[in-house]
Amino acid sequence: MMDGHKTVEPFWETKSLDEMDPEEWESLCDGCGKCCLIKLEDVDSGEIAFTGVACRLLNLTTCACTNYPMRSVRVPECIQVTSDLARNANWLPATCAYRLLAEGKKLQWWHPLISGDPQSVHDAGISVQHRVMHESRDIDPEDHIVSWTE
């Protein structure tokens, strides 16, 4: 800039996933809720299918975990997203900020860090808001495979 002020680049453009502190890491989550959907893997092809069935801890309106600090205790199969997972997990949705950054891509316009508004992920139709149901004994996830997750 000509006025002598230095432009500060956003941390997600200057740091690798491994260099981020916990607060920066957590802020990358766009709040879409897609990682909280039950996913099915084809044992022959390894292909992942997302379902419209969500973890029982997911708030279906806000798309936030209702017990985030204790999620691994309450839901032992809950997986913590790490930088290694972001680079290798084929089940992270293509819109996931962790995956996008791991692939060297930019955050989307609707991401709250870009828009400044946590509601933008919902307004853009990216989140699972009002599109899914909670898991239960009465629901077979195989009957609820969806294609809108990408």
Foldseek 3Di string as FASTA:
>chain_A
DVVPDDDDDDPLVVDALVPDDPVVNVLQFLLQLQLQFDWDADPVPRDIFTFLAGEPQADLARSDGVCVVCCCVVPVPDDDDGLVCLLDPPSDFPLRSSVQSSVVHDHDCQRCVNVVDSCSCVVVVQHSRPPHYYDDPVDDRVVGTDDSND
